[in-house]
């Protein structure tokens, strides 16, 4: 089938994501640079063959285009959470709870069913679609039962154990805690490394920031636990899956607050 790149909608360290058509259907095309070997490009396709919840953005195919490997994903009309934070600033606590629940539920299911870890949970890889549904994108660094996750990922959302080769569900909870903190404060924070003292300093600084923005104490406390140095001290997925989702509030947030007919931005998948 013919692939036609329409316009770039996002950039990463080693790829450019395009809005594209593939055989006439709309897709997101992640065009990899020459440093990425084919076996890494195929990780997303292999992950797509697993029985994953519908919240995960589906990988359709890996193909070549003008000498580059291209990962084709389903096209999602929506906006990535990092762009929402940049555009709207700090999010209400209700939105943060909704995002925590919307990500924790499919991640908990994927972990229970396939032992799957995403490997690169961050705001840029979470999309809010037109219906206010949160979608999880980019499984290029994923691991699951029988396959170790990549050692890559984005340092600012990496749990301490990832810097020494460890991974698992607690590291994913850590990343989601970072996302929640960024949503509440409107500010990202840099990587911390594998040192306990630095991690505890980070928690104290974040606690001060959360108090400054008036975050509800129970929510702030669970986020601070998520960013704990010791994996066993962090919340489980189940502590967040029971939080209430507020789709209409997410839809308002993604729609510039100008009504249901507001045009959602293109997805940066």
Protein backbone atom coordinates (compact mmCIF):
# COMPACT_ATOMS: atom_id res chain seq x y z
CA UNK A 1 0.00 0.00 0.00
CA UNK A 2 1.11 3.54 -0.71
CA UNK A 3 2.34 5.67 2.18
CA UNK A 4 1.97 9.44 1.83
CA UNK A 5 3.44 11.76 4.46
CA UNK A 6 1.22 14.83 4.92
CA UNK A 7 2.77 16.96 7.67
CA UNK A 8 5.09 16.51 10.67
CA UNK A 9 3.27 16.58 14.01
CA UNK A 10 6.00 15.64 16.49
CA UNK A 11 9.72 15.04 16.91
CA UNK A 12 11.74 12.77 19.17
CA UNK A 13 15.43 12.16 19.70
CA UNK A 14 15.60 9.67 16.85
CA UNK A 15 12.35 10.02 14.91
CA UNK A 16 9.82 12.35 13.34
CA UNK A 17 6.09 11.61 13.55
CA UNK A 18 3.95 12.55 10.57
CA UNK A 19 0.26 12.73 9.90
CA UNK A 20 0.02 10.41 6.92
CA UNK A 21 -2.19 8.22 4.78
CA UNK A 22 -1.54 4.54 4.15
CA UNK A 23 -3.58 3.00 1.41
CA UNK A 24 -5.94 5.94 1.77
CA UNK A 25 -6.55 5.55 5.53
CA UNK A 26 -5.24 8.15 8.03
CA UNK A 27 -2.29 6.95 10.12
CA UNK A 28 0.48 8.32 12.30
CA UNK A 29 3.85 7.50 10.70
CA UNK A 30 6.90 7.44 12.97
CA UNK A 31 9.89 7.82 10.64
CA UNK A 32 13.06 6.51 12.30
CA UNK A 33 16.52 7.82 11.61
CA UNK A 34 19.33 5.54 10.54
CA UNK A 35 20.59 4.92 14.09
CA UNK A 36 17.60 2.72 14.97
CA UNK A 37 17.99 -0.93 13.89
CA UNK A 38 15.07 -2.84 12.44
CA UNK A 39 14.74 -5.17 15.44
CA UNK A 40 13.99 -2.18 17.67
CA UNK A 41 11.43 -0.89 15.17
CA UNK A 42 9.71 -4.29 15.27
CA UNK A 43 9.19 -4.11 19.05
CA UNK A 44 6.07 -1.97 18.58
CA UNK A 45 4.68 -4.41 16.04
CA UNK A 46 5.31 -7.37 18.36
CA UNK A 47 3.70 -5.50 21.25
CA UNK A 48 0.70 -4.77 19.03
CA UNK A 49 0.18 -8.51 18.61
CA UNK A 50 -0.47 -8.87 22.33
CA UNK A 51 -4.00 -8.77 23.72
CA UNK A 52 -3.82 -5.18 25.01
CA UNK A 53 -6.63 -2.95 26.29
CA UNK A 54 -8.18 -0.54 23.80
CA UNK A 55 -6.54 2.40 25.57
CA UNK A 56 -3.27 1.51 23.85
CA UNK A 57 -2.71 3.13 20.44
CA UNK A 58 -2.49 0.28 17.95
CA UNK A 59 0.61 -0.37 15.82
CA UNK A 60 -0.44 -1.36 12.31
CA UNK A 61 2.73 -2.10 10.37
CA UNK A 62 6.45 -1.51 10.02
CA UNK A 63 7.50 -0.55 6.52
CA UNK A 64 10.13 1.38 4.58
CA UNK A 65 9.76 4.78 2.98
CA UNK A 66 12.52 6.47 1.02
CA UNK A 67 15.18 4.40 2.75
CA UNK A 68 13.91 4.88 6.33
CA UNK A 69 12.06 2.46 8.55
CA UNK A 70 8.59 3.70 9.45
CA UNK A 71 6.29 2.53 12.26
CA UNK A 72 2.64 3.03 11.29
CA UNK A 73 0.11 3.57 14.08
CA UNK A 74 -3.59 4.23 14.17
CA UNK A 75 -4.38 7.94 13.92
CA UNK A 76 -5.93 9.47 17.02
CA UNK A 77 -7.63 12.86 16.79
CA UNK A 78 -6.58 14.51 20.01
CA UNK A 79 -3.75 16.21 21.81
CA UNK A 80 -0.79 14.92 23.82
CA UNK A 81 -0.71 15.75 27.50
CA UNK A 82 2.60 17.62 27.26
CA UNK A 83 1.00 20.04 24.79
CA UNK A 84 -2.04 20.40 27.05
CA UNK A 85 0.20 21.33 29.98
CA UNK A 86 2.07 23.87 27.86
CA UNK A 87 -1.21 25.37 26.63
CA UNK A 88 -3.37 25.21 29.76
CA UNK A 89 -0.87 25.27 32.62
CA UNK A 90 -1.47 23.36 35.89
CA UNK A 91 -4.44 20.99 35.80
CA UNK A 92 -7.28 20.77 38.35
CA UNK A 93 -6.97 17.90 40.81
CA UNK A 94 -10.04 16.24 39.23
CA UNK A 95 -8.26 16.08 35.89
CA UNK A 96 -5.14 14.62 37.48
CA UNK A 97 -7.18 11.93 39.23
CA UNK A 98 -8.91 11.13 35.95
CA UNK A 99 -5.60 10.79 34.11
CA UNK A 100 -4.18 8.56 36.87
CA UNK A 101 -7.21 6.26 36.67
CA UNK A 102 -7.34 6.26 32.87
CA UNK A 103 -3.68 5.18 32.60
CA UNK A 104 -3.52 2.89 35.64
CA UNK A 105 -6.47 0.72 34.55
CA UNK A 106 -5.08 -0.44 31.16
CA UNK A 107 -1.52 -0.59 32.50
CA UNK A 108 -2.65 -2.80 35.40
CA UNK A 109 -4.53 -5.06 32.97
CA UNK A 110 -1.58 -5.28 30.57
CA UNK A 111 0.75 -6.08 33.48
CA UNK A 112 -1.56 -8.78 34.85
CA UNK A 113 -2.19 -10.35 31.44
CA UNK A 114 1.17 -10.05 29.66
CA UNK A 115 3.64 -8.75 32.24
CA UNK A 116 3.84 -5.68 30.00
CA UNK A 117 5.73 -2.53 30.93
CA UNK A 118 5.60 0.51 28.66
CA UNK A 119 9.18 1.61 29.20
CA UNK A 120 8.64 5.28 28.35
CA UNK A 121 5.53 6.62 30.07
CA UNK A 122 5.58 10.44 29.84
CA UNK A 123 3.14 13.24 28.95
CA UNK A 124 4.12 13.20 25.27
CA UNK A 125 3.03 9.55 25.03
CA UNK A 126 -0.44 10.12 26.51
CA UNK A 127 -3.15 11.48 24.20
CA UNK A 128 -6.53 12.92 25.08
CA UNK A 129 -8.91 12.21 22.20
CA UNK A 130 -12.09 14.00 21.11
CA UNK A 131 -14.20 12.04 23.61
CA UNK A 132 -11.89 12.86 26.50
CA UNK A 133 -10.45 9.34 26.53
CA UNK A 134 -6.77 8.98 27.43
CA UNK A 135 -4.81 6.84 24.95
CA UNK A 136 -1.35 5.37 25.59
CA UNK A 137 1.07 5.62 22.67
CA UNK A 138 4.56 4.47 21.66
CA UNK A 139 5.48 0.95 22.80
CA UNK A 140 8.90 1.10 21.13
CA UNK A 141 10.68 0.54 24.47
CA UNK A 142 8.17 -1.91 25.94
CA UNK A 143 8.93 -5.18 27.64
CA UNK A 144 6.70 -8.11 28.50
CA UNK A 145 6.87 -11.71 29.66
CA UNK A 146 9.76 -13.28 27.76
CA UNK A 147 11.17 -9.96 26.58
CA UNK A 148 13.20 -7.57 28.70
CA UNK A 149 12.37 -3.88 28.28
CA UNK A 150 14.84 -1.54 26.64
CA UNK A 151 17.30 0.35 28.83
CA UNK A 152 16.25 3.53 27.04
CA UNK A 153 13.48 5.89 28.01
CA UNK A 154 13.23 9.50 29.09
CA UNK A 155 15.45 10.23 32.13
CA UNK A 156 13.09 12.73 33.77
CA UNK A 157 10.45 10.00 34.21
CA UNK A 158 12.83 7.11 34.98
CA UNK A 159 12.69 5.43 38.38
CA UNK A 160 16.01 5.11 40.26
CA UNK A 161 16.23 1.37 39.60
CA UNK A 162 16.11 1.96 35.84
CA UNK A 163 19.54 3.56 36.01
CA UNK A 164 20.99 0.26 37.26
CA UNK A 165 19.08 -2.02 34.91
CA UNK A 166 15.96 -2.74 37.00
CA UNK A 167 12.39 -2.45 35.79
CA UNK A 168 8.86 -3.61 36.53
CA UNK A 169 5.44 -2.31 37.50
CA UNK A 170 6.82 -0.07 40.33
CA UNK A 171 8.98 1.78 37.78
CA UNK A 172 5.88 2.40 35.68
CA UNK A 173 4.04 3.71 38.76
CA UNK A 174 6.98 6.04 39.36
CA UNK A 175 6.71 7.42 35.81
CA UNK A 176 2.97 8.00 36.21
CA UNK A 177 3.66 9.77 39.51
CA UNK A 178 6.02 12.11 37.65
CA UNK A 179 3.30 12.79 35.08
CA UNK A 180 0.76 13.55 37.82
CA UNK A 181 3.19 15.92 39.54
CA UNK A 182 3.83 17.72 36.26
CA UNK A 183 0.10 18.05 35.66
CA UNK A 184 -0.50 19.56 39.10
CA UNK A 185 2.42 22.00 39.03
CA UNK A 186 2.63 22.72 35.30
CA UNK A 187 6.40 22.17 35.52
CA UNK A 188 8.52 19.17 34.50
CA UNK A 189 11.54 18.22 36.54
CA UNK A 190 14.78 16.66 35.40
CA UNK A 191 16.28 13.21 35.98
CA UNK A 192 17.31 12.23 39.49
CA UNK A 193 19.46 9.12 39.05
CA UNK A 194 19.82 6.11 41.32
CA UNK A 195 20.96 7.86 44.53
CA UNK A 196 18.60 7.69 47.51
CA UNK A 197 19.66 11.06 48.95
CA UNK A 198 18.99 12.87 45.66
CA UNK A 199 15.64 11.14 45.38
CA UNK A 200 14.58 12.22 48.86
CA UNK A 201 15.63 15.80 48.08
CA UNK A 202 13.50 15.62 44.98
CA UNK A 203 10.50 14.49 47.02
CA UNK A 204 10.94 17.35 49.50
CA UNK A 205 11.16 19.91 46.69
CA UNK A 206 8.07 18.42 45.03
CA UNK A 207 6.17 18.44 48.33
CA UNK A 208 6.85 22.18 48.61
CA UNK A 209 5.66 22.72 45.04
CA UNK A 210 2.46 20.73 45.63
CA UNK A 211 1.70 22.75 48.76
CA UNK A 212 2.32 25.94 46.80
CA UNK A 213 -0.30 25.03 44.18
CA UNK A 214 -2.77 23.85 46.82
CA UNK A 215 -2.90 20.19 45.74
CA UNK A 216 -5.30 18.12 47.88
CA UNK A 217 -3.25 16.37 50.54
CA UNK A 218 -4.35 12.77 49.84
CA UNK A 219 -3.53 13.18 46.15
CA UNK A 220 -0.21 14.88 46.90
CA UNK A 221 0.74 12.15 49.37
CA UNK A 222 0.12 9.29 46.92
CA UNK A 223 2.16 11.08 44.24
CA UNK A 224 5.03 11.59 46.68
CA UNK A 225 4.91 7.88 47.55
CA UNK A 226 4.98 7.07 43.84
CA UNK A 227 8.26 8.96 43.59
CA UNK A 228 9.82 7.03 46.44
CA UNK A 229 13.32 5.62 46.07
CA UNK A 230 12.31 2.12 47.22
CA UNK A 231 10.00 0.33 44.72
CA UNK A 232 8.13 -1.53 47.50
CA UNK A 233 7.09 1.79 49.08
CA UNK A 234 5.25 2.98 45.98
CA UNK A 235 1.51 2.65 45.37
CA UNK A 236 0.25 -0.32 43.38
CA UNK A 237 -1.69 0.17 40.15
CA UNK A 238 -4.83 -0.78 42.07
CA UNK A 239 -4.59 2.27 44.32
CA UNK A 240 -5.20 4.43 41.26
CA UNK A 241 -7.57 2.28 39.21
CA UNK A 242 -10.43 3.08 41.59
CA UNK A 243 -10.13 6.83 41.14
CA UNK A 244 -13.06 8.43 39.39
CA UNK A 245 -12.67 9.31 35.72
CA UNK A 246 -14.29 12.50 34.49
CA UNK A 247 -14.46 12.21 30.69
CA UNK A 248 -16.45 15.40 30.23
CA UNK A 249 -13.89 17.36 32.23
CA UNK A 250 -11.07 15.89 30.16
CA UNK A 251 -12.98 16.77 27.00
CA UNK A 252 -13.34 20.35 28.23
CA UNK A 253 -9.64 20.47 29.03
CA UNK A 254 -8.67 19.17 25.60
CA UNK A 255 -11.12 21.48 23.84
CA UNK A 256 -9.76 24.89 24.87
CA UNK A 257 -12.81 25.41 27.09
CA UNK A 258 -14.89 26.83 24.23
CA UNK A 259 -17.53 24.14 23.94
CA UNK A 260 -18.08 20.68 22.57
CA UNK A 261 -17.64 21.79 18.97
CA UNK A 262 -14.10 23.06 19.53
CA UNK A 263 -11.66 21.54 17.05
CA UNK A 264 -9.30 19.13 18.82
CA UNK A 265 -5.69 19.41 17.91
CA UNK A 266 -3.93 16.77 15.85
CA UNK A 267 -2.43 13.82 17.73
CA UNK A 268 1.31 13.70 18.31
CA UNK A 269 1.51 9.93 18.40
